[in-house]
Amino acid sequence: MRAHVHAGPPDRLDRVLAQAFPDLSRARVQDLIKTGRATLDGRPAGNASAKVPDGARLALTIPPPLPATPRGEDIPLDIVFEDADLVVIDKPPGLVVHPAAGHETGTLVNALIAHCGESLSGIGGVRRPGIVHRLDKDTSGLLVVAKTDAAHKALAAQFADHGRTGPLEREYVALVWGVPSRPHGTVEAPIGRSPANREKMAVVPLAKGREAITHWQVEETYDGPDGAPAASRVRCALETGRTHQIRVHMAHIGHPLLGDALYGAGFKTKATRLSQEAREALAALGRQALHAEVLGFAHPRTGEEIRFERPPPADMARLVAALEGA
């Protein structure tokens, strides 16, 4: 049980408790109030909006976390960093982050539940990992996951801020068709659900989408066997984090990702401009050529700025080598 004496002007019960116990999210506090686990001057307080007067005595009972849902599965993970608060992994391509229809098992969440076990203190009262950002199933790279409610709350705030006032850093390496006309640039174009295909995202008017900003820089260009420019390696830094953001934005400026069947379908014939080795490597890749290479953030408990970097996996590295040898 946690106790607190309110000192100050009258305020909502859920707001007072959330401020008194900052390791708990306000949603978690509201759930505890709703289930009768909060008292005001010794009496049950079942209304989150109840006014708490100055000098009132509050108590909050936090039950032990419920067993993990879904169940843990013994799936190998490439752990880059782990402590009591969080775990950073290098996600392989093909691994779905969160269970959903069609992917109820075999996900990163299943793997983390098995890996972390009792070290998960409970996100929202359930012993499960706290997902604060995601990577597409076929995108590889760095991902941070919270192990505690407090870490989840702090990391979620950093990702919501998109690094505008803090040290959050997210950089991706992408292989794209063609060569942009400039060495670097910024795509600032709202993203929302495509009106023509509900399975796709698209650049849409701001009234129908959400702000999306991607900064990009060409790092290397690759010529085909005929000496004409065929593809580029581009570094993308996210200022926002929308679904499929890099894939949508690069396609929007005419340079979709190699291997992206959803947003680069019209560029399939451009594979004929690649060397035989590069065509084979692209076919073997079987996914969009996108890797989350850099991830930096403030540690949710210590405030220390930490940064991780991992090169692309073997399938993408093979494609780069083939493009370089064209």
Protein backbone atom coordinates (compact mmCIF):
# COMPACT_ATOMS: atom_id res chain seq x y z
CA MET A 1 0.00 0.00 0.00
CA ARG A 2 1.18 3.52 -0.80
CA ALA A 3 0.12 6.55 1.26
CA HIS A 4 0.05 10.26 0.49
CA VAL A 5 -1.22 13.43 2.18
CA HIS A 6 -2.42 16.02 -0.31
CA ALA A 7 -1.04 19.50 0.26
CA GLY A 8 -2.51 22.13 -2.00
CA PRO A 9 -5.74 23.35 -3.55
CA PRO A 10 -8.53 20.84 -4.26
CA ASP A 11 -7.85 18.72 -7.34
CA ARG A 12 -9.06 15.57 -9.09
CA LEU A 13 -8.26 12.30 -7.32
CA ASP A 14 -6.63 10.68 -10.36
CA ARG A 15 -4.45 13.74 -11.00
CA VAL A 16 -3.33 13.95 -7.37
CA LEU A 17 -2.43 10.25 -7.24
CA ALA A 18 -0.63 10.33 -10.60
CA GLN A 19 1.47 13.27 -9.39
CA ALA A 20 2.13 11.60 -6.03
CA PHE A 21 3.24 8.34 -7.65
CA PRO A 22 4.95 9.35 -10.92
CA ASP A 23 5.99 5.79 -11.75
CA LEU A 24 2.31 5.03 -12.44
CA SER A 25 0.57 6.27 -15.56
CA ARG A 26 -2.65 8.20 -15.10
CA ALA A 27 -4.51 5.44 -16.94
CA ARG A 28 -3.15 2.92 -14.46
CA VAL A 29 -4.18 5.13 -11.53
CA GLN A 30 -7.69 5.47 -12.97
CA ASP A 31 -7.94 1.69 -13.31
CA LEU A 32 -6.91 1.22 -9.67
CA ILE A 33 -9.50 3.78 -8.55
CA LYS A 34 -12.20 2.09 -10.62
CA THR A 35 -11.43 -1.31 -9.05
CA GLY A 36 -11.74 0.07 -5.51
CA ARG A 37 -8.05 0.19 -4.63
CA ALA A 38 -7.95 3.88 -3.65
CA THR A 39 -9.14 5.39 -0.36
CA LEU A 40 -9.76 9.01 0.58
CA ASP A 41 -9.53 9.68 4.33
CA GLY A 42 -9.98 5.96 4.94
CA ARG A 43 -13.09 5.55 2.78
CA PRO A 44 -13.19 3.86 -0.66
CA ALA A 45 -12.87 6.40 -3.47
CA GLY A 46 -14.37 5.01 -6.64
CA ASN A 47 -14.61 8.21 -8.62
CA ALA A 48 -11.49 9.43 -10.41
CA SER A 49 -12.90 12.94 -10.73
CA ALA A 50 -13.63 13.30 -7.00
CA LYS A 51 -12.13 16.48 -5.53
CA VAL A 52 -9.35 15.94 -2.99
CA PRO A 53 -9.21 18.72 -0.36
CA ASP A 54 -6.06 20.08 1.19
CA GLY A 55 -4.78 17.77 3.95
CA ALA A 56 -6.72 14.72 2.77
CA ARG A 57 -5.12 11.32 3.42
CA LEU A 58 -4.91 9.07 0.38
CA ALA A 59 -3.94 5.44 0.09
CA LEU A 60 -3.46 3.30 -3.00
CA THR A 61 -3.21 -0.48 -2.96
CA ILE A 62 -1.34 -1.95 -5.92
CA PRO A 63 -1.97 -5.66 -6.49
CA PRO A 64 0.77 -7.95 -7.79
CA PRO A 65 0.93 -8.01 -11.59
CA LEU A 66 -1.22 -10.55 -13.37
CA PRO A 67 0.45 -13.38 -15.29
CA ALA A 68 1.76 -12.47 -18.70
CA THR A 69 -0.60 -12.34 -21.64
CA PRO A 70 0.08 -13.70 -24.21
CA ARG A 71 2.23 -16.64 -23.22
CA GLY A 72 5.99 -16.58 -23.50
CA GLU A 73 7.75 -18.44 -26.27
CA ASP A 74 11.37 -19.49 -26.51
CA ILE A 75 12.34 -17.42 -29.56
CA PRO A 76 16.02 -16.41 -29.95
CA LEU A 77 16.69 -12.71 -29.44
CA ASP A 78 19.74 -10.56 -30.19
CA ILE A 79 19.99 -8.57 -26.95
CA VAL A 80 22.04 -5.40 -27.39
CA PHE A 81 21.50 -4.03 -23.85
CA GLU A 82 19.43 -4.95 -20.84
CA ASP A 83 18.99 -3.77 -17.25
CA ALA A 84 16.19 -3.73 -14.69
CA ASP A 85 14.31 -1.00 -16.59
CA LEU A 86 14.52 -1.85 -20.26
CA VAL A 87 15.85 -4.10 -22.98
CA VAL A 88 17.23 -3.08 -26.38
CA ILE A 89 17.15 -5.68 -29.12
CA ASP A 90 18.31 -5.91 -32.72
CA LYS A 91 15.11 -7.20 -34.33
CA PRO A 92 15.58 -9.58 -37.24
CA PRO A 93 13.48 -9.18 -40.39
CA GLY A 94 10.34 -11.29 -40.41
CA LEU A 95 9.58 -10.92 -36.69
CA VAL A 96 6.25 -9.28 -35.84
CA VAL A 97 6.50 -6.97 -32.80
CA HIS A 98 3.06 -7.37 -31.22
CA PRO A 99 0.41 -10.11 -31.37
CA ALA A 100 -2.51 -9.28 -33.64
CA ALA A 101 -5.01 -11.02 -35.84
CA GLY A 102 -3.08 -13.50 -37.95
CA HIS A 103 0.00 -13.23 -35.71
CA GLU A 104 -1.17 -14.37 -32.27
CA THR A 105 2.09 -16.25 -31.60
CA GLY A 106 5.72 -16.09 -32.62
CA THR A 107 6.03 -12.36 -31.95
CA LEU A 108 8.62 -10.22 -30.22
CA VAL A 109 6.26 -9.81 -27.26
CA ASN A 110 6.00 -13.60 -26.88
CA ALA A 111 9.79 -13.82 -27.01
CA LEU A 112 10.33 -11.04 -24.45
CA ILE A 113 7.85 -12.53 -21.98
CA ALA A 114 9.84 -15.75 -22.03
CA HIS A 115 13.22 -13.99 -21.94
CA CYS A 116 12.48 -11.43 -19.21
CA GLY A 117 10.31 -13.65 -17.00
CA GLU A 118 9.96 -12.34 -13.44
CA SER A 119 12.01 -9.22 -14.25
CA LEU A 120 8.87 -7.75 -15.85
CA SER A 121 7.31 -5.80 -12.98
CA GLY A 122 4.04 -5.23 -14.77
CA ILE A 123 2.87 -2.75 -17.40
CA GLY A 124 -0.61 -1.58 -16.48
CA GLY A 125 -0.88 -4.33 -13.90
CA VAL A 126 0.05 -7.16 -16.27
CA ARG A 127 3.47 -8.82 -16.37
CA ARG A 128 4.29 -7.91 -19.96
CA PRO A 129 6.83 -5.82 -21.89
CA GLY A 130 5.98 -2.20 -22.63
CA ILE A 131 6.12 -1.48 -26.36
CA VAL A 132 6.81 2.23 -26.96
CA HIS A 133 7.64 2.08 -30.68
CA ARG A 134 7.49 -0.55 -33.39
CA LEU A 135 9.23 -1.70 -36.52
CA ASP A 136 7.42 -3.24 -39.46
CA LYS A 137 7.56 -7.03 -39.62
CA ASP A 138 10.10 -6.96 -42.45
CA THR A 139 12.17 -4.03 -41.16
CA SER A 140 15.20 -5.00 -39.11
CA GLY A 141 17.04 -3.10 -36.42
CA LEU A 142 17.11 -1.53 -32.99
CA LEU A 143 14.07 -1.45 -30.73
CA VAL A 144 13.75 -0.50 -27.04
CA VAL A 145 11.14 -2.10 -24.78
CA ALA A 146 10.24 -1.12 -21.20
CA LYS A 147 10.23 -3.68 -18.38
CA THR A 148 8.50 -1.51 -15.76
CA ASP A 149 5.56 0.89 -15.63
CA ALA A 150 7.86 3.80 -14.78
CA ALA A 151 10.21 3.06 -17.68
CA HIS A 152 7.28 2.66 -20.05
CA LYS A 153 5.84 6.02 -19.03
CA ALA A 154 9.17 7.85 -19.40
CA LEU A 155 10.12 6.24 -22.71
CA ALA A 156 6.65 6.78 -24.17
CA ALA A 157 6.97 10.49 -23.35
CA GLN A 158 10.29 10.68 -25.20
CA PHE A 159 8.89 9.01 -28.30
CA ALA A 160 5.79 11.21 -28.20
CA ASP A 161 8.11 14.24 -28.15
CA HIS A 162 10.01 12.84 -31.18
CA GLY A 163 13.32 14.12 -29.82
CA ARG A 164 12.37 17.76 -30.28
CA THR A 165 13.27 18.68 -26.70
CA GLY A 166 15.25 15.60 -25.68
CA PRO A 167 17.99 13.27 -26.91
CA LEU A 168 15.80 10.75 -28.76
CA GLU A 169 17.61 9.71 -31.95
CA ARG A 170 16.39 7.30 -34.63
CA GLU A 171 18.31 6.74 -37.86
CA TYR A 172 17.57 4.19 -40.57
CA VAL A 173 19.54 2.94 -43.55
CA ALA A 174 17.45 2.47 -46.69
CA LEU A 175 18.30 1.29 -50.18
CA VAL A 176 16.17 3.17 -52.70
CA TRP A 177 15.59 3.09 -56.44
CA GLY A 178 17.37 5.78 -58.42
CA VAL A 179 19.40 8.74 -57.19
CA PRO A 180 17.74 11.81 -55.63
CA SER A 181 18.49 15.09 -57.39
CA ARG A 182 19.89 16.58 -54.19
CA PRO A 183 22.37 15.14 -51.66
CA HIS A 184 19.98 15.66 -48.77
CA GLY A 185 16.53 16.95 -47.97
CA THR A 186 13.44 16.82 -45.78
CA VAL A 187 10.06 15.35 -46.59
CA GLU A 188 7.35 17.11 -44.61
CA ALA A 189 4.11 15.51 -45.75
CA PRO A 190 1.18 14.29 -43.60
CA ILE A 191 0.51 10.56 -43.60
CA GLY A 192 -2.84 8.81 -43.23
CA ARG A 193 -4.69 5.74 -44.41
CA SER A 194 -4.78 5.51 -48.21
CA PRO A 195 -8.29 6.20 -49.50
CA ALA A 196 -7.65 3.82 -52.42
CA ASN A 197 -6.22 0.89 -50.43
CA ARG A 198 -6.95 0.50 -46.71
CA GLU A 199 -3.88 -1.73 -46.30
CA LYS A 200 -1.58 1.12 -47.30
CA MET A 201 -0.62 4.46 -45.84
CA ALA A 202 -0.29 7.51 -48.08
CA VAL A 203 0.55 11.20 -48.15
CA VAL A 204 -2.78 12.91 -47.53
CA PRO A 205 -4.07 16.39 -46.60
CA LEU A 206 -3.27 17.30 -43.00
CA ALA A 207 -6.98 17.27 -42.12
CA LYS A 208 -7.06 13.56 -43.00
CA GLY A 209 -3.65 12.49 -41.67
CA ARG A 210 -0.96 13.24 -39.12
CA GLU A 211 2.14 15.39 -39.34
CA ALA A 212 5.12 13.40 -40.65
CA ILE A 213 8.69 14.62 -41.13
CA THR A 214 11.63 12.61 -42.48
CA HIS A 215 15.15 13.97 -42.97
CA TRP A 216 17.22 12.10 -45.56
CA GLN A 217 20.80 12.13 -46.83
CA VAL A 218 22.35 10.20 -49.71
CA GLU A 219 25.36 8.22 -48.49
CA GLU A 220 26.27 6.28 -51.62
CA THR A 221 25.02 5.77 -55.15
CA TYR A 222 25.20 2.59 -57.22
CA ASP A 223 25.46 2.33 -61.00
CA GLY A 224 24.11 -0.56 -63.01
CA PRO A 225 26.19 -2.61 -65.47
CA ASP A 226 25.52 0.03 -68.15
CA GLY A 227 27.06 2.75 -65.98
CA ALA A 228 23.74 4.53 -65.39
CA PRO A 229 22.63 5.35 -61.83
CA ALA A 230 20.41 2.55 -60.51
CA ALA A 231 20.07 2.86 -56.74
CA SER A 232 21.22 4.75 -53.65
CA ARG A 233 21.89 4.15 -49.99
CA VAL A 234 20.06 6.81 -47.99
CA ARG A 235 20.20 7.61 -44.28
CA CYS A 236 16.83 8.65 -42.88
CA ALA A 237 16.30 10.39 -39.53
CA LEU A 238 12.79 10.48 -38.13
CA GLU A 239 11.32 13.61 -36.59
CA THR A 240 7.97 11.85 -36.26
CA GLY A 241 7.07 8.18 -36.10
CA ARG A 242 4.16 7.32 -38.36
CA THR A 243 3.26 3.89 -39.71
CA HIS A 244 5.42 3.08 -42.77
CA GLN A 245 6.75 6.65 -42.66
CA ILE A 246 10.08 6.18 -44.45
CA ARG A 247 8.56 3.82 -47.02
CA VAL A 248 5.74 6.27 -47.81
CA HIS A 249 7.94 9.38 -47.86
CA MET A 250 10.66 7.93 -50.08
CA ALA A 251 8.05 6.65 -52.51
CA HIS A 252 6.42 10.09 -52.40
CA ILE A 253 9.60 11.74 -53.71
CA GLY A 254 9.99 9.11 -56.42
CA HIS A 255 12.54 6.83 -54.76
CA PRO A 256 10.77 3.85 -53.16
CA LEU A 257 12.73 1.27 -51.24
CA LEU A 258 14.22 -1.70 -53.01
CA GLY A 259 12.16 -4.80 -52.30
CA ASP A 260 9.10 -2.85 -51.11
CA ALA A 261 6.22 -4.70 -52.73
CA LEU A 262 3.63 -2.41 -51.14
CA TYR A 263 4.98 1.03 -52.05
CA GLY A 264 7.40 0.24 -54.86
CA ALA A 265 5.43 -2.25 -56.97
CA GLY A 266 5.69 0.00 -60.01
CA PHE A 267 9.50 -0.18 -59.89
CA LYS A 268 9.81 -3.97 -60.29
CA THR A 269 11.01 -3.67 -63.86
CA LYS A 270 13.93 -1.50 -62.73
CA ALA A 271 15.58 -4.68 -61.45
CA THR A 272 16.68 -5.24 -65.05
CA ARG A 273 19.06 -2.31 -64.58
CA LEU A 274 20.92 -4.19 -61.84
CA SER A 275 23.69 -6.73 -62.24
CA GLN A 276 22.75 -10.40 -62.14
CA GLU A 277 24.33 -10.68 -58.68
CA ALA A 278 22.34 -7.69 -57.41
CA ARG A 279 19.08 -9.05 -58.88
CA GLU A 280 19.66 -12.35 -57.10
CA ALA A 281 20.47 -10.59 -53.82
CA LEU A 282 17.32 -8.45 -54.13
CA ALA A 283 15.18 -11.53 -54.80
CA ALA A 284 16.74 -13.27 -51.80
CA LEU A 285 16.07 -10.21 -49.62
CA GLY A 286 12.33 -10.60 -50.15
CA ARG A 287 11.52 -7.48 -48.11
CA GLN A 288 11.94 -3.73 -48.07
CA ALA A 289 15.60 -2.77 -47.74
CA LEU A 290 15.25 -0.86 -44.48
CA HIS A 291 17.21 -1.19 -41.23
CA ALA A 292 16.97 0.81 -37.97
CA GLU A 293 20.69 1.35 -37.45
CA VAL A 294 20.87 3.98 -34.67
CA LEU A 295 18.77 4.39 -31.53
CA GLY A 296 19.53 6.90 -28.78
CA PHE A 297 17.49 8.10 -25.81
CA ALA A 298 17.69 9.21 -22.18
CA HIS A 299 17.62 6.31 -19.74
CA PRO A 300 14.17 6.47 -18.13
CA ARG A 301 15.52 6.14 -14.58
CA THR A 302 19.00 7.71 -14.56
CA GLY A 303 18.51 10.30 -17.30
CA GLU A 304 21.83 9.22 -18.85
CA GLU A 305 21.94 9.60 -22.63
CA ILE A 306 22.63 6.21 -24.20
CA ARG A 307 23.09 5.40 -27.88
CA PHE A 308 23.24 2.14 -29.79
CA GLU A 309 24.27 1.32 -33.35
CA ARG A 310 23.95 -1.94 -35.26
CA PRO A 311 24.79 -2.58 -38.94
CA PRO A 312 22.24 -4.13 -41.31
CA PRO A 313 21.81 -7.92 -41.19
CA ALA A 314 23.36 -10.36 -43.65
CA ASP A 315 20.55 -10.26 -46.24
CA MET A 316 20.77 -6.49 -46.66
CA ALA A 317 24.57 -6.48 -46.43
CA ARG A 318 24.69 -8.99 -49.28
CA LEU A 319 22.54 -6.70 -51.44
CA VAL A 320 24.80 -3.70 -50.67
CA ALA A 321 27.89 -5.73 -51.61
CA ALA A 322 26.25 -6.81 -54.87
CA LEU A 323 25.30 -3.22 -55.70
CA GLU A 324 28.84 -2.03 -54.98
CA GLY A 325 30.27 -4.69 -57.27
CA ALA A 326 27.98 -3.92 -60.19
